[in-house]
C-alpha atoms as a PDB file:
ATOM      1  CA  MET A   1      -7.680  -8.318 -54.811  1.00  0.00           C
ATOM      2  CA  LYS A   2      -6.568 -11.040 -52.369  1.00  0.00           C
ATOM      3  CA  ILE A   3      -4.773  -8.792 -49.872  1.00  0.00           C
ATOM      4  CA  LYS A   4      -7.720  -6.650 -48.951  1.00  0.00           C
ATOM      5  CA  PRO A   5      -9.891  -9.524 -47.272  1.00  0.00           C
ATOM      6  CA  ARG A   6      -6.792 -10.703 -45.806  1.00  0.00           C
ATOM      7  CA  ILE A   7      -6.220  -7.255 -44.022  1.00  0.00           C
ATOM      8  CA  ARG A   8      -9.907  -7.066 -43.036  1.00  0.00           C
ATOM      9  CA  GLU A   9      -9.568 -10.644 -41.481  1.00  0.00           C
ATOM     10  CA  ILE A  10      -6.603  -9.735 -39.491  1.00  0.00           C
ATOM     11  CA  ASN A  11      -8.369  -6.418 -38.453  1.00  0.00           C
ATOM     12  CA  LYS A  12     -11.288  -8.381 -37.381  1.00  0.00           C
ATOM     13  CA  TYR A  13      -9.186 -10.563 -35.156  1.00  0.00           C
ATOM     14  CA  GLN A  14      -7.350  -7.516 -33.770  1.00  0.00           C
ATOM     15  CA  TYR A  15     -10.615  -6.080 -32.665  1.00  0.00           C
ATOM     16  CA  TRP A  16     -11.708  -9.195 -30.822  1.00  0.00           C
ATOM     17  CA  GLY A  17      -8.216  -9.021 -29.239  1.00  0.00           C
ATOM     18  CA  TYR A  18      -8.692  -5.629 -28.087  1.00  0.00           C
ATOM     19  CA  LEU A  19     -12.263  -6.496 -26.871  1.00  0.00           C
ATOM     20  CA  PHE A  20     -10.986  -9.322 -24.562  1.00  0.00           C
ATOM     21  CA  ILE A  21      -8.124  -7.266 -23.102  1.00  0.00           C
ATOM     22  CA  THR A  22     -10.353  -4.089 -22.448  1.00  0.00           C
ATOM     23  CA  PRO A  23     -11.391  -5.127 -18.854  1.00  0.00           C
ATOM     24  CA  TRP A  24      -7.746  -5.467 -18.047  1.00  0.00           C
ATOM     25  CA  ILE A  25      -6.857  -2.038 -19.399  1.00  0.00           C
ATOM     26  CA  ILE A  26      -9.640  -0.401 -17.715  1.00  0.00           C
ATOM     27  CA  GLY A  27      -8.456  -1.907 -14.393  1.00  0.00           C
ATOM     28  CA  PHE A  28      -4.923  -0.937 -15.094  1.00  0.00           C
ATOM     29  CA  ILE A  29      -5.938   2.497 -15.779  1.00  0.00           C
ATOM     30  CA  VAL A  30      -8.203   3.266 -12.984  1.00  0.00           C
ATOM     31  CA  LEU A  31      -6.582   0.926 -10.070  1.00  0.00           C
ATOM     32  CA  GLN A  32      -3.040   1.509 -11.040  1.00  0.00           C
ATOM     33  CA  LEU A  33      -1.958   4.144 -13.558  1.00  0.00           C
ATOM     34  CA  TYR A  34      -4.162   6.888 -12.273  1.00  0.00           C
ATOM     35  CA  PRO A  35      -3.275   6.595  -8.553  1.00  0.00           C
ATOM     36  CA  LEU A  36       0.377   6.333  -9.508  1.00  0.00           C
ATOM     37  CA  LEU A  37       0.075   9.670 -11.445  1.00  0.00           C
ATOM     38  CA  ALA A  38      -2.118  11.083  -8.539  1.00  0.00           C
ATOM     39  CA  SER A  39       0.209  10.095  -5.734  1.00  0.00           C
ATOM     40  CA  LEU A  40       3.239  11.874  -7.859  1.00  0.00           C
ATOM     41  CA  ASN A  41       0.888  15.014  -8.147  1.00  0.00           C
ATOM     42  CA  TYR A  42       0.211  14.784  -4.189  1.00  0.00           C
ATOM     43  CA  SER A  43       3.837  14.333  -3.431  1.00  0.00           C
ATOM     44  CA  PHE A  44       4.247  18.129  -4.393  1.00  0.00           C
ATOM     45  CA  THR A  45       1.284  19.282  -2.307  1.00  0.00           C
ATOM     46  CA  ASP A  46       0.138  19.622   1.502  1.00  0.00           C
ATOM     47  CA  PHE A  47      -2.836  17.307   1.274  1.00  0.00           C
ATOM     48  CA  ASN A  48      -4.394  15.989   4.491  1.00  0.00           C
ATOM     49  CA  MET A  49      -7.466  14.353   2.630  1.00  0.00           C
ATOM     50  CA  LEU A  50      -9.902  16.837   4.247  1.00  0.00           C
ATOM     51  CA  ASN A  51      -8.949  20.067   2.534  1.00  0.00           C
ATOM     52  CA  ASP A  52      -7.975  20.609  -1.116  1.00  0.00           C
ATOM     53  CA  PRO A  53      -4.187  19.924  -2.038  1.00  0.00           C
ATOM     54  CA  ARG A  54      -1.909  22.969  -1.871  1.00  0.00           C
ATOM     55  CA  TYR A  55       1.067  23.094  -4.100  1.00  0.00           C
ATOM     56  CA  ILE A  56       4.144  23.465  -2.094  1.00  0.00           C
ATOM     57  CA  GLY A  57       6.851  22.339  -4.598  1.00  0.00           C
ATOM     58  CA  PHE A  58       9.786  20.289  -3.248  1.00  0.00           C
ATOM     59  CA  GLN A  59       9.305  20.945   0.519  1.00  0.00           C
ATOM     60  CA  ASN A  60       7.939  17.409   1.146  1.00  0.00           C
ATOM     61  CA  TYR A  61      11.304  15.831  -0.224  1.00  0.00           C
ATOM     62  CA  ILE A  62      13.373  18.450   1.522  1.00  0.00           C
ATOM     63  CA  ARG A  63      11.537  17.648   4.740  1.00  0.00           C
ATOM     64  CA  MET A  64      12.321  14.031   4.627  1.00  0.00           C
ATOM     65  CA  PHE A  65      16.125  14.641   4.536  1.00  0.00           C
ATOM     66  CA  THR A  66      16.142  17.632   6.986  1.00  0.00           C
ATOM     67  CA  LYS A  67      13.339  17.512   9.541  1.00  0.00           C
ATOM     68  CA  ASP A  68      11.902  14.044   9.916  1.00  0.00           C
ATOM     69  CA  VAL A  69      13.769  12.250  12.601  1.00  0.00           C
ATOM     70  CA  ASN A  70      12.072   8.826  12.047  1.00  0.00           C
ATOM     71  CA  PHE A  71      13.141   8.857   8.195  1.00  0.00           C
ATOM     72  CA  SER A  72      16.863   7.895   8.776  1.00  0.00           C
ATOM     73  CA  GLN A  73      15.869   5.362  11.371  1.00  0.00           C
ATOM     74  CA  SER A  74      13.149   3.646   9.012  1.00  0.00           C
ATOM     75  CA  VAL A  75      15.731   3.554   6.225  1.00  0.00           C
ATOM     76  CA  LYS A  76      18.484   1.924   8.357  1.00  0.00           C
ATOM     77  CA  VAL A  77      16.002  -0.786   9.525  1.00  0.00           C
ATOM     78  CA  THR A  78      14.706  -1.263   6.141  1.00  0.00           C
ATOM     79  CA  LEU A  79      18.355  -1.910   4.709  1.00  0.00           C
ATOM     80  CA  ILE A  80      19.226  -4.064   7.511  1.00  0.00           C
ATOM     81  CA  ARG A  81      16.247  -6.258   7.131  1.00  0.00           C
ATOM     82  CA  VAL A  82      16.722  -6.527   3.235  1.00  0.00           C
ATOM     83  CA  LEU A  83      20.483  -7.487   3.615  1.00  0.00           C
ATOM     84  CA  PHE A  84      19.624 -10.045   5.982  1.00  0.00           C
ATOM     85  CA  ALA A  85      16.304 -11.712   5.040  1.00  0.00           C
ATOM     86  CA  VAL A  86      16.721 -11.673   1.378  1.00  0.00           C
ATOM     87  CA  PRO A  87      20.125 -13.642   1.096  1.00  0.00           C
ATOM     88  CA  MET A  88      18.855 -15.923   3.991  1.00  0.00           C
ATOM     89  CA  LYS A  89      15.596 -16.758   2.343  1.00  0.00           C
ATOM     90  CA  ILE A  90      17.447 -17.602  -0.943  1.00  0.00           C
ATOM     91  CA  ILE A  91      20.139 -19.615   0.537  1.00  0.00           C
ATOM     92  CA  PHE A  92      17.450 -21.720   2.746  1.00  0.00           C
ATOM     93  CA  ALA A  93      15.118 -22.188  -0.283  1.00  0.00           C
ATOM     94  CA  LEU A  94      18.238 -23.518  -2.260  1.00  0.00           C
ATOM     95  CA  MET A  95      19.014 -25.878   0.491  1.00  0.00           C
ATOM     96  CA  VAL A  96      15.513 -27.195   0.860  1.00  0.00           C
ATOM     97  CA  ALA A  97      15.067 -27.602  -3.088  1.00  0.00           C
ATOM     98  CA  MET A  98      18.287 -29.663  -2.910  1.00  0.00           C
ATOM     99  CA  LEU A  99      16.820 -32.020  -0.377  1.00  0.00           C
ATOM    100  CA  LEU A 100      13.447 -32.236  -2.081  1.00  0.00           C
ATOM    101  CA  ASN A 101      15.373 -33.156  -5.334  1.00  0.00           C
ATOM    102  CA  ILE A 102      16.373 -36.506  -3.810  1.00  0.00           C
ATOM    103  CA  ARG A 103      14.361 -39.361  -5.330  1.00  0.00           C
ATOM    104  CA  LEU A 104      12.424 -40.895  -2.470  1.00  0.00           C
ATOM    105  CA  LYS A 105       9.223 -42.449  -2.038  1.00  0.00           C
ATOM    106  CA  GLY A 106       6.629 -39.649  -0.725  1.00  0.00           C
ATOM    107  CA  MET A 107       8.624 -36.975  -1.619  1.00  0.00           C
ATOM    108  CA  ASN A 108       5.797 -35.018  -3.472  1.00  0.00           C
ATOM    109  CA  PHE A 109       4.039 -34.866   0.027  1.00  0.00           C
ATOM    110  CA  TYR A 110       7.288 -33.231   1.714  1.00  0.00           C
ATOM    111  CA  ARG A 111       7.349 -30.760  -1.136  1.00  0.00           C
ATOM    112  CA  THR A 112       3.698 -29.758  -0.493  1.00  0.00           C
ATOM    113  CA  ILE A 113       4.179 -29.295   3.178  1.00  0.00           C
ATOM    114  CA  PHE A 114       7.498 -26.931   2.491  1.00  0.00           C
ATOM    115  CA  TYR A 115       5.498 -24.869  -0.051  1.00  0.00           C
ATOM    116  CA  LEU A 116       2.359 -24.362   2.392  1.00  0.00           C
ATOM    117  CA  PRO A 117       4.133 -21.289   4.445  1.00  0.00           C
ATOM    118  CA  SER A 118       4.084 -19.377   0.993  1.00  0.00           C
ATOM    119  CA  ILE A 119       0.400 -19.804   0.557  1.00  0.00           C
ATOM    120  CA  PHE A 120      -0.298 -18.475   4.118  1.00  0.00           C
ATOM    121  CA  GLY A 121       2.608 -16.163   4.391  1.00  0.00           C
ATOM    122  CA  GLY A 122       2.038 -12.481   4.964  1.00  0.00           C
ATOM    123  CA  SER A 123      -1.366 -12.930   6.431  1.00  0.00           C
ATOM    124  CA  VAL A 124      -2.267 -11.129   9.779  1.00  0.00           C
ATOM    125  CA  ALA A 125      -3.212 -14.688  11.071  1.00  0.00           C
ATOM    126  CA  ILE A 126       0.326 -15.908  10.667  1.00  0.00           C
ATOM    127  CA  SER A 127       1.723 -12.826  12.099  1.00  0.00           C
ATOM    128  CA  VAL A 128      -0.472 -13.071  15.224  1.00  0.00           C
ATOM    129  CA  LEU A 129       0.613 -16.748  15.574  1.00  0.00           C
ATOM    130  CA  TRP A 130       4.220 -15.782  15.253  1.00  0.00           C
ATOM    131  CA  LYS A 131       3.806 -13.067  17.904  1.00  0.00           C
ATOM    132  CA  PHE A 132       2.455 -15.617  20.315  1.00  0.00           C
ATOM    133  CA  LEU A 133       5.365 -18.016  19.599  1.00  0.00           C
ATOM    134  CA  PHE A 134       8.051 -15.520  20.386  1.00  0.00           C
ATOM    135  CA  MET A 135       6.346 -13.398  22.967  1.00  0.00           C
ATOM    136  CA  ARG A 136       8.157 -13.839  26.489  1.00  0.00           C
ATOM    137  CA  GLU A 137       5.640 -16.439  27.726  1.00  0.00           C
ATOM    138  CA  GLY A 138       5.285 -17.998  24.307  1.00  0.00           C
ATOM    139  CA  LEU A 139       5.957 -21.647  22.990  1.00  0.00           C
ATOM    140  CA  ILE A 140       9.508 -21.029  22.049  1.00  0.00           C
ATOM    141  CA  ASN A 141      10.460 -19.895  25.618  1.00  0.00           C
ATOM    142  CA  ARG A 142       8.651 -22.694  27.132  1.00  0.00           C
ATOM    143  CA  LEU A 143      10.638 -25.088  24.821  1.00  0.00           C
ATOM    144  CA  LEU A 144      13.907 -23.429  26.081  1.00  0.00           C
ATOM    145  CA  SER A 145      12.755 -23.798  29.500  1.00  0.00           C
ATOM    146  CA  VAL A 146      13.024 -27.541  29.322  1.00  0.00           C
ATOM    147  CA  PHE A 147      16.589 -27.412  28.568  1.00  0.00           C
ATOM    148  CA  SER A 148      17.096 -25.061  31.574  1.00  0.00           C
ATOM    149  CA  ILE A 149      17.637 -22.052  29.142  1.00  0.00           C
ATOM    150  CA  LYS A 150      16.496 -18.527  30.516  1.00  0.00           C
ATOM    151  CA  PRO A 151      13.643 -16.961  28.432  1.00  0.00           C
ATOM    152  CA  VAL A 152      14.667 -14.613  25.750  1.00  0.00           C
ATOM    153  CA  ASP A 153      12.929 -11.359  25.029  1.00  0.00           C
ATOM    154  CA  TRP A 154      12.633 -11.976  21.426  1.00  0.00           C
ATOM    155  CA  LEU A 155      10.117  -9.135  20.685  1.00  0.00           C
ATOM    156  CA  GLY A 156      11.219  -6.751  23.353  1.00  0.00           C
ATOM    157  CA  ASN A 157      15.018  -6.479  23.014  1.00  0.00           C
ATOM    158  CA  PRO A 158      15.762  -3.940  20.483  1.00  0.00           C
ATOM    159  CA  ASP A 159      19.012  -5.956  19.550  1.00  0.00           C
ATOM    160  CA  ILE A 160      17.222  -9.023  18.212  1.00  0.00           C
ATOM    161  CA  ALA A 161      13.568  -7.906  17.626  1.00  0.00           C
ATOM    162  CA  LEU A 162      14.200  -7.323  13.865  1.00  0.00           C
ATOM    163  CA  PHE A 163      16.083 -10.591  13.479  1.00  0.00           C
ATOM    164  CA  THR A 164      12.774 -12.198  14.894  1.00  0.00           C
ATOM    165  CA  VAL A 165      10.558 -10.587  12.812  1.00  0.00           C
ATOM    166  CA  SER A 166      12.598 -11.262   9.638  1.00  0.00           C
ATOM    167  CA  LEU A 167      12.499 -15.058  10.529  1.00  0.00           C
ATOM    168  CA  VAL A 168       8.903 -14.931   9.165  1.00  0.00           C
ATOM    169  CA  THR A 169      10.192 -13.832   5.883  1.00  0.00           C
ATOM    170  CA  ILE A 170      12.603 -16.412   5.737  1.00  0.00           C
ATOM    171  CA  TRP A 171      10.120 -19.042   6.670  1.00  0.00           C
ATOM    172  CA  GLU A 172       7.984 -18.086   3.698  1.00  0.00           C
ATOM    173  CA  PHE A 173      10.494 -19.428   1.313  1.00  0.00           C
ATOM    174  CA  GLY A 174       8.246 -21.712  -0.713  1.00  0.00           C
ATOM    175  CA  SER A 175       7.874 -19.884  -4.057  1.00  0.00           C
ATOM    176  CA  SER A 176      11.683 -19.576  -4.340  1.00  0.00           C
ATOM    177  CA  MET A 177      12.010 -23.141  -3.424  1.00  0.00           C
ATOM    178  CA  VAL A 178       9.689 -24.162  -6.208  1.00  0.00           C
ATOM    179  CA  LEU A 179      11.799 -22.385  -8.598  1.00  0.00           C
ATOM    180  CA  PHE A 180      15.077 -23.717  -7.559  1.00  0.00           C
ATOM    181  CA  LEU A 181      13.459 -27.311  -7.601  1.00  0.00           C
ATOM    182  CA  ALA A 182      12.300 -26.738 -11.138  1.00  0.00           C
ATOM    183  CA  GLY A 183      16.014 -25.632 -12.151  1.00  0.00           C
ATOM    184  CA  LEU A 184      17.574 -28.379 -10.364  1.00  0.00           C
ATOM    185  CA  LYS A 185      15.334 -30.762 -12.540  1.00  0.00           C
ATOM    186  CA  GLN A 186      16.761 -29.249 -15.656  1.00  0.00           C
ATOM    187  CA  ILE A 187      20.382 -29.897 -14.911  1.00  0.00           C
ATOM    188  CA  PRO A 188      21.548 -32.788 -16.877  1.00  0.00           C
ATOM    189  CA  ARG A 189      22.576 -35.928 -15.010  1.00  0.00           C
ATOM    190  CA  GLU A 190      25.570 -36.389 -17.675  1.00  0.00           C
ATOM    191  CA  LEU A 191      27.382 -33.214 -16.029  1.00  0.00           C
ATOM    192  CA  TYR A 192      27.324 -34.714 -12.675  1.00  0.00           C
ATOM    193  CA  GLU A 193      28.560 -38.107 -14.028  1.00  0.00           C
ATOM    194  CA  ALA A 194      31.249 -36.329 -15.791  1.00  0.00           C
ATOM    195  CA  ALA A 195      32.330 -34.187 -12.613  1.00  0.00           C
ATOM    196  CA  LYS A 196      32.364 -37.739 -10.525  1.00  0.00           C
ATOM    197  CA  ILE A 197      34.738 -39.193 -13.161  1.00  0.00           C
ATOM    198  CA  ASP A 198      37.116 -36.221 -13.001  1.00  0.00           C
ATOM    199  CA  GLY A 199      37.132 -36.835  -9.077  1.00  0.00           C
ATOM    200  CA  ALA A 200      34.997 -33.918  -8.030  1.00  0.00           C
ATOM    201  CA  SER A 201      33.598 -33.926  -4.563  1.00  0.00           C
ATOM    202  CA  LEU A 202      29.875 -33.301  -3.560  1.00  0.00           C
ATOM    203  CA  LEU A 203      30.877 -29.660  -2.738  1.00  0.00           C
ATOM    204  CA  LYS A 204      32.870 -29.184  -5.947  1.00  0.00           C
ATOM    205  CA  GLN A 205      29.845 -30.645  -8.057  1.00  0.00           C
ATOM    206  CA  PHE A 206      27.661 -28.301  -6.313  1.00  0.00           C
ATOM    207  CA  TYR A 207      30.204 -25.084  -6.920  1.00  0.00           C
ATOM    208  CA  TYR A 208      31.212 -25.968 -10.474  1.00  0.00           C
ATOM    209  CA  VAL A 209      28.041 -27.447 -11.883  1.00  0.00           C
ATOM    210  CA  THR A 210      24.645 -26.906  -9.784  1.00  0.00           C
ATOM    211  CA  LEU A 211      25.412 -23.209  -8.836  1.00  0.00           C
ATOM    212  CA  PRO A 212      26.366 -21.969 -12.315  1.00  0.00           C
ATOM    213  CA  LEU A 213      23.316 -23.498 -13.921  1.00  0.00           C
ATOM    214  CA  LEU A 214      21.030 -21.995 -11.213  1.00  0.00           C
ATOM    215  CA  THR A 215      22.237 -18.568 -11.457  1.00  0.00           C
ATOM    216  CA  PRO A 216      19.439 -17.446 -13.789  1.00  0.00           C
ATOM    217  CA  ILE A 217      16.888 -18.426 -10.676  1.00  0.00           C
ATOM    218  CA  VAL A 218      19.146 -17.028  -8.252  1.00  0.00           C
ATOM    219  CA  PHE A 219      19.073 -13.743 -10.284  1.00  0.00           C
ATOM    220  CA  PHE A 220      15.208 -13.832 -10.570  1.00  0.00           C
ATOM    221  CA  ASN A 221      14.649 -14.653  -6.915  1.00  0.00           C
ATOM    222  CA  LEU A 222      17.142 -11.979  -5.763  1.00  0.00           C
ATOM    223  CA  VAL A 223      15.325  -9.243  -7.941  1.00  0.00           C
ATOM    224  CA  MET A 224      11.664 -10.440  -6.820  1.00  0.00           C
ATOM    225  CA  GLN A 225      12.707 -10.978  -3.098  1.00  0.00           C
ATOM    226  CA  THR A 226      14.508  -7.565  -2.892  1.00  0.00           C
ATOM    227  CA  ILE A 227      11.384  -5.690  -4.097  1.00  0.00           C
ATOM    228  CA  ASN A 228       9.011  -7.477  -1.757  1.00  0.00           C
ATOM    229  CA  ALA A 229      11.502  -6.963   1.184  1.00  0.00           C
ATOM    230  CA  PHE A 230      11.455  -3.229   0.683  1.00  0.00           C
ATOM    231  CA  GLN A 231       7.756  -2.949   0.582  1.00  0.00           C
ATOM    232  CA  GLU A 232       7.136  -5.194   3.527  1.00  0.00           C
ATOM    233  CA  PHE A 233       4.606  -3.881   6.231  1.00  0.00           C
ATOM    234  CA  THR A 234       2.044  -6.374   7.242  1.00  0.00           C
ATOM    235  CA  THR A 235       4.192  -8.648   9.492  1.00  0.00           C
ATOM    236  CA  PRO A 236       6.379  -6.288  11.421  1.00  0.00           C
ATOM    237  CA  PHE A 237       3.307  -3.992  12.009  1.00  0.00           C
ATOM    238  CA  VAL A 238       1.195  -6.980  13.462  1.00  0.00           C
ATOM    239  CA  ILE A 239       4.132  -8.265  15.594  1.00  0.00           C
ATOM    240  CA  THR A 240       5.778  -5.188  16.884  1.00  0.00           C
ATOM    241  CA  SER A 241       4.086  -2.277  15.525  1.00  0.00           C
ATOM    242  CA  GLY A 242       7.608  -0.838  14.748  1.00  0.00           C
ATOM    243  CA  GLY A 243       8.898  -1.294  18.160  1.00  0.00           C
ATOM    244  CA  PRO A 244      10.824  -1.597  20.766  1.00  0.00           C
ATOM    245  CA  ALA A 245      12.407   1.581  20.382  1.00  0.00           C
ATOM    246  CA  LYS A 246      11.738   1.509  16.691  1.00  0.00           C
ATOM    247  CA  SER A 247      14.038  -1.339  16.012  1.00  0.00           C
ATOM    248  CA  THR A 248      11.548  -2.810  13.561  1.00  0.00           C
ATOM    249  CA  TYR A 249      10.294   0.499  12.113  1.00  0.00           C
ATOM    250  CA  LEU A 250      10.235  -0.119   8.399  1.00  0.00           C
ATOM    251  CA  TYR A 251      10.167   2.410   5.777  1.00  0.00           C
ATOM    252  CA  ALA A 252       6.532   1.218   4.853  1.00  0.00           C
ATOM    253  CA  MET A 253       5.336   1.924   8.473  1.00  0.00           C
ATOM    254  CA  LEU A 254       6.735   5.722   8.079  1.00  0.00           C
ATOM    255  CA  ILE A 255       4.547   5.921   4.830  1.00  0.00           C
ATOM    256  CA  TYR A 256       1.359   4.330   6.661  1.00  0.00           C
ATOM    257  CA  GLU A 257       1.724   6.449   9.755  1.00  0.00           C
ATOM    258  CA  ASN A 258       2.105   9.768   7.911  1.00  0.00           C
ATOM    259  CA  GLY A 259      -0.576   8.983   5.322  1.00  0.00           C
ATOM    260  CA  PHE A 260      -3.377   7.313   7.454  1.00  0.00           C
ATOM    261  CA  LYS A 261      -2.429   8.063  11.107  1.00  0.00           C
ATOM    262  CA  PHE A 262      -1.369  11.699  10.684  1.00  0.00           C
ATOM    263  CA  LEU A 263      -3.399  12.482   7.402  1.00  0.00           C
ATOM    264  CA  LYS A 264      -0.063  13.814   5.723  1.00  0.00           C
ATOM    265  CA  MET A 265      -0.998  12.183   2.463  1.00  0.00           C
ATOM    266  CA  GLY A 266       1.087  14.744   0.515  1.00  0.00           C
ATOM    267  CA  TYR A 267       4.261  13.723   2.483  1.00  0.00           C
ATOM    268  CA  ALA A 268       3.419  10.155   2.440  1.00  0.00           C
ATOM    269  CA  SER A 269       3.076  10.114  -1.256  1.00  0.00           C
ATOM    270  CA  ALA A 270       6.618  11.733  -1.503  1.00  0.00           C
ATOM    271  CA  LEU A 271       7.996   9.055   0.896  1.00  0.00           C
ATOM    272  CA  SER A 272       6.314   6.447  -1.499  1.00  0.00           C
ATOM    273  CA  TRP A 273       7.917   7.949  -4.851  1.00  0.00           C
ATOM    274  CA  LEU A 274      11.374   7.894  -2.974  1.00  0.00           C
ATOM    275  CA  MET A 275      10.961   4.153  -2.395  1.00  0.00           C
ATOM    276  CA  PHE A 276       9.895   3.812  -6.002  1.00  0.00           C
ATOM    277  CA  ILE A 277      12.830   5.452  -7.349  1.00  0.00           C
ATOM    278  CA  ALA A 278      15.272   3.428  -4.749  1.00  0.00           C
ATOM    279  CA  ILE A 279      13.906   0.145  -5.891  1.00  0.00           C
ATOM    280  CA  ILE A 280      14.003   1.041  -9.479  1.00  0.00           C
ATOM    281  CA  ILE A 281      17.905   1.968  -8.896  1.00  0.00           C
ATOM    282  CA  ILE A 282      18.619  -1.078  -6.968  1.00  0.00           C
ATOM    283  CA  THR A 283      16.950  -3.321  -9.462  1.00  0.00           C
ATOM    284  CA  ALA A 284      18.817  -1.675 -12.236  1.00  0.00           C
ATOM    285  CA  LEU A 285      22.047  -2.293 -10.407  1.00  0.00           C
ATOM    286  CA  VAL A 286      21.409  -5.831 -10.143  1.00  0.00           C
ATOM    287  CA  PHE A 287      20.480  -6.160 -13.763  1.00  0.00           C
ATOM    288  CA  LYS A 288      23.684  -4.332 -14.501  1.00  0.00           C
ATOM    289  CA  SER A 289      25.880  -6.831 -12.432  1.00  0.00           C
ATOM    290  CA  SER A 290      24.018  -9.912 -13.954  1.00  0.00           C
ATOM    291  CA  PRO A 291      26.407 -10.222 -16.995  1.00  0.00           C
ATOM    292  CA  TYR A 292      29.469 -10.812 -14.706  1.00  0.00           C
ATOM    293  CA  TRP A 293      27.831 -13.790 -12.656  1.00  0.00           C
ATOM    294  CA  VAL A 294      24.593 -15.000 -14.315  1.00  0.00           C
ATOM    295  CA  TYR A 295      25.119 -17.757 -16.560  1.00  0.00           C
ATOM    296  CA  TYR A 296      23.034 -19.162 -19.435  1.00  0.00           C
ATOM    297  CA  GLY A 297      23.521 -22.486 -20.995  1.00  0.00           C
ATOM    298  CA  ASP A 298      23.212 -20.882 -24.666  1.00  0.00           C
ATOM    299  CA  GLY A 299      26.085 -18.575 -23.761  1.00  0.00           C
ATOM    300  CA  GLY A 300      23.703 -15.598 -23.427  1.00  0.00           C
ATOM    301  CA  SER A 301      23.542 -12.839 -21.046  1.00  0.00           C
ATOM    302  CA  THR A 302      21.074 -10.437 -19.471  1.00  0.00           C
END
């Protein structure tokens, strides 16, 4: 007799829970799930957004590997950028976090200043500012001229344009820095004191104490920053538009041009799904490797 009211009470609270999450569920279905499934359907069609989609099977996927001359270039540029920008961003964020972990007066102010680039990062305004800084007559070359150094064509030289654009991503290290800083705060001081007693230098303390205990955060930053790097579009598009000589022509630009410039939405959908699958595979490989290098204090693993 006492169980039935209890069940009705639980169901009542469940209904309230469902009611509160209904807006999110509707938004997820309308804004995420439906577009995702629609793009999968369009990837097997010839669709220009003006006429009805025409089913063509796997022709879009075959075309990108056999006929699209820009496909291989965009994949190459994207991989180079990911392999350069992601490790450098993580390393730089860790270095700054260790400096900001020092106990000094006014350190909270410096932490705020170093986090600001992540707030404004990825915006068109920052991209335009970066373009003016590194253009041939920009501020960077003016500063170099003070030391009698010839101007560098940062954005016009195919050999260094991608490096210059990638610096923006590295500069936006604030979110990774905050995570590293939080991890550093959780490392017990007793471990460093024990290492000092054993005669460990600062470098050995970092290698044998700090780095192993930060590997879960390194793992998280590696996964998230890799996913973001593969989808990068705004900054390179605003600064160089893929030039010069397509040296900064990222995969996301290839999707954008085919979908919204050439109105080949079916082909753009196929390109998007290939990227989606590639990101899943790379993320799965990172997860698969984590038991060999990610250390958890409780002895567990991913």
